[in-house]
Amino acid sequence: MKKVRPFEVISKRRKGYPSETQVKRGLRVIHGNKELLEQLGRNDLCPCNSGRRF
């Protein structure tokens, strides 16, 4: 039997979903050289469009 580390399984499972940093929503505000994006809150819908809460 092949041993699989738990971290490898998690990374393969989450590969298809966009991360919080890749989600583009809200207004962008630029202060100096930094670009600030609106972050997802606890009760916002999941960015994968599954309809579940994030």
N, C-alpha and C. Protein backbone atom coordinates (compact mmCIF):
# COMPACT_ATOMS: atom_id res chain seq x y z
N MET A 1 0.84 -1.18 0.00
CA MET A 1 0.00 0.00 0.00
C MET A 1 0.88 1.24 0.00
N LYS A 2 0.51 2.20 -0.81
CA LYS A 2 1.28 3.43 -0.92
C LYS A 2 0.90 4.38 0.21
N LYS A 3 1.92 4.92 0.88
CA LYS A 3 1.66 5.88 1.96
C LYS A 3 1.47 7.26 1.36
N VAL A 4 0.44 7.94 1.81
CA VAL A 4 0.15 9.29 1.34
C VAL A 4 0.13 10.20 2.55
N ARG A 5 0.88 11.27 2.48
CA ARG A 5 0.86 12.24 3.56
C ARG A 5 -0.43 13.05 3.49
N PRO A 6 -1.00 13.40 4.63
CA PRO A 6 -2.26 14.15 4.62
C PRO A 6 -2.16 15.49 3.90
N PHE A 7 -1.00 16.13 3.94
CA PHE A 7 -0.85 17.42 3.29
C PHE A 7 -0.92 17.30 1.77
N GLU A 8 -0.46 16.18 1.22
CA GLU A 8 -0.54 15.97 -0.22
C GLU A 8 -2.00 15.82 -0.67
N VAL A 9 -2.78 15.10 0.12
CA VAL A 9 -4.19 14.88 -0.22
C VAL A 9 -4.94 16.21 -0.19
N ILE A 10 -4.70 17.02 0.81
CA ILE A 10 -5.37 18.31 0.92
C ILE A 10 -4.99 19.21 -0.24
N SER A 11 -3.72 19.24 -0.60
CA SER A 11 -3.30 20.13 -1.68
C SER A 11 -3.91 19.70 -3.01
N LYS A 12 -4.07 18.40 -3.25
CA LYS A 12 -4.69 17.94 -4.49
C LYS A 12 -6.17 18.29 -4.51
N ARG A 13 -6.83 18.18 -3.36
CA ARG A 13 -8.25 18.43 -3.28
C ARG A 13 -8.56 19.90 -3.51
N ARG A 14 -7.73 20.79 -3.01
CA ARG A 14 -8.01 22.22 -3.08
C ARG A 14 -7.47 22.88 -4.35
N LYS A 15 -6.87 22.13 -5.23
CA LYS A 15 -6.25 22.72 -6.41
C LYS A 15 -7.25 23.41 -7.34
N GLY A 16 -8.46 22.88 -7.47
CA GLY A 16 -9.41 23.41 -8.43
C GLY A 16 -10.18 24.63 -7.96
N TYR A 17 -10.09 24.98 -6.69
CA TYR A 17 -10.86 26.10 -6.17
C TYR A 17 -10.01 27.36 -6.10
N PRO A 18 -10.58 28.50 -6.45
CA PRO A 18 -9.81 29.74 -6.35
C PRO A 18 -9.57 30.11 -4.90
N SER A 19 -8.40 30.59 -4.62
CA SER A 19 -8.10 30.98 -3.25
C SER A 19 -8.67 32.37 -2.98
N GLU A 20 -8.62 32.76 -1.75
CA GLU A 20 -9.17 34.05 -1.34
C GLU A 20 -8.45 35.20 -2.04
N THR A 21 -7.18 35.02 -2.36
CA THR A 21 -6.42 36.10 -2.98
C THR A 21 -6.73 36.24 -4.47
N GLN A 22 -7.27 35.18 -5.10
CA GLN A 22 -7.55 35.24 -6.53
C GLN A 22 -8.95 35.76 -6.84
N VAL A 23 -9.79 35.86 -5.84
CA VAL A 23 -11.17 36.31 -6.06
C VAL A 23 -11.17 37.81 -6.28
N LYS A 24 -11.76 38.24 -7.38
CA LYS A 24 -11.81 39.66 -7.71
C LYS A 24 -13.23 40.16 -7.46
N ARG A 25 -13.42 40.94 -6.41
CA ARG A 25 -14.72 41.54 -6.17
C ARG A 25 -14.55 42.79 -5.33
N GLY A 26 -15.50 43.66 -5.43
CA GLY A 26 -15.44 44.89 -4.67
C GLY A 26 -14.60 45.94 -5.38
N LEU A 27 -14.53 47.10 -4.79
CA LEU A 27 -13.76 48.19 -5.36
C LEU A 27 -12.30 48.08 -4.94
N ARG A 28 -11.43 48.42 -5.84
CA ARG A 28 -10.00 48.43 -5.53
C ARG A 28 -9.61 49.83 -5.11
N VAL A 29 -8.88 49.92 -4.03
CA VAL A 29 -8.40 51.20 -3.55
C VAL A 29 -6.88 51.14 -3.54
N ILE A 30 -6.26 52.10 -4.20
CA ILE A 30 -4.80 52.10 -4.29
C ILE A 30 -4.25 53.19 -3.38
N HIS A 31 -3.41 52.79 -2.44
CA HIS A 31 -2.72 53.71 -1.54
C HIS A 31 -1.23 53.54 -1.76
N GLY A 32 -0.61 54.49 -2.42
CA GLY A 32 0.82 54.38 -2.70
C GLY A 32 1.08 53.27 -3.70
N ASN A 33 1.96 52.34 -3.36
CA ASN A 33 2.29 51.22 -4.24
C ASN A 33 1.46 49.98 -3.95
N LYS A 34 0.61 50.02 -2.92
CA LYS A 34 -0.16 48.84 -2.54
C LYS A 34 -1.57 48.92 -3.09
N GLU A 35 -2.07 47.79 -3.53
CA GLU A 35 -3.43 47.70 -4.04
C GLU A 35 -4.24 46.89 -3.04
N LEU A 36 -5.27 47.50 -2.46
CA LEU A 36 -6.07 46.83 -1.45
C LEU A 36 -7.34 46.28 -2.08
N LEU A 37 -7.67 45.02 -1.77
CA LEU A 37 -8.88 44.39 -2.28
C LEU A 37 -9.82 44.08 -1.13
N GLU A 38 -11.10 44.07 -1.40
CA GLU A 38 -12.08 43.68 -0.39
C GLU A 38 -11.91 42.19 -0.11
N GLN A 39 -11.81 41.82 1.15
CA GLN A 39 -11.64 40.42 1.50
C GLN A 39 -13.00 39.77 1.74
N LEU A 40 -13.05 38.47 1.56
CA LEU A 40 -14.28 37.74 1.81
C LEU A 40 -14.52 37.61 3.29
N GLY A 41 -15.76 37.80 3.69
CA GLY A 41 -16.13 37.66 5.09
C GLY A 41 -16.62 36.26 5.39
N ARG A 42 -16.93 36.05 6.64
CA ARG A 42 -17.33 34.73 7.10
C ARG A 42 -18.66 34.27 6.50
N ASN A 43 -19.58 35.18 6.28
CA ASN A 43 -20.90 34.80 5.77
C ASN A 43 -21.08 35.07 4.28
N ASP A 44 -20.00 35.42 3.58
CA ASP A 44 -20.09 35.62 2.14
C ASP A 44 -20.19 34.27 1.44
N LEU A 45 -20.77 34.28 0.24
CA LEU A 45 -20.87 33.04 -0.52
C LEU A 45 -19.49 32.59 -0.98
N CYS A 46 -19.32 31.28 -1.11
CA CYS A 46 -18.05 30.69 -1.51
C CYS A 46 -17.71 31.13 -2.94
N PRO A 47 -16.44 31.43 -3.23
CA PRO A 47 -16.05 31.87 -4.58
C PRO A 47 -16.17 30.78 -5.64
N CYS A 48 -16.36 29.52 -5.24
CA CYS A 48 -16.47 28.44 -6.22
C CYS A 48 -17.89 28.31 -6.76
N ASN A 49 -18.81 29.19 -6.32
CA ASN A 49 -20.21 29.19 -6.76
C ASN A 49 -20.98 27.95 -6.36
N SER A 50 -20.60 27.32 -5.25
CA SER A 50 -21.32 26.15 -4.76
C SER A 50 -22.57 26.55 -3.99
N GLY A 51 -22.67 27.82 -3.61
CA GLY A 51 -23.82 28.29 -2.85
C GLY A 51 -23.62 28.18 -1.35
N ARG A 52 -22.52 27.61 -0.92
CA ARG A 52 -22.22 27.49 0.51
C ARG A 52 -21.57 28.76 1.02
N ARG A 53 -21.58 28.92 2.32
CA ARG A 53 -20.95 30.08 2.95
C ARG A 53 -19.45 29.85 3.03
N PHE A 54 -18.67 30.90 2.87
CA PHE A 54 -17.21 30.81 2.88
C PHE A 54 -16.70 30.71 4.29
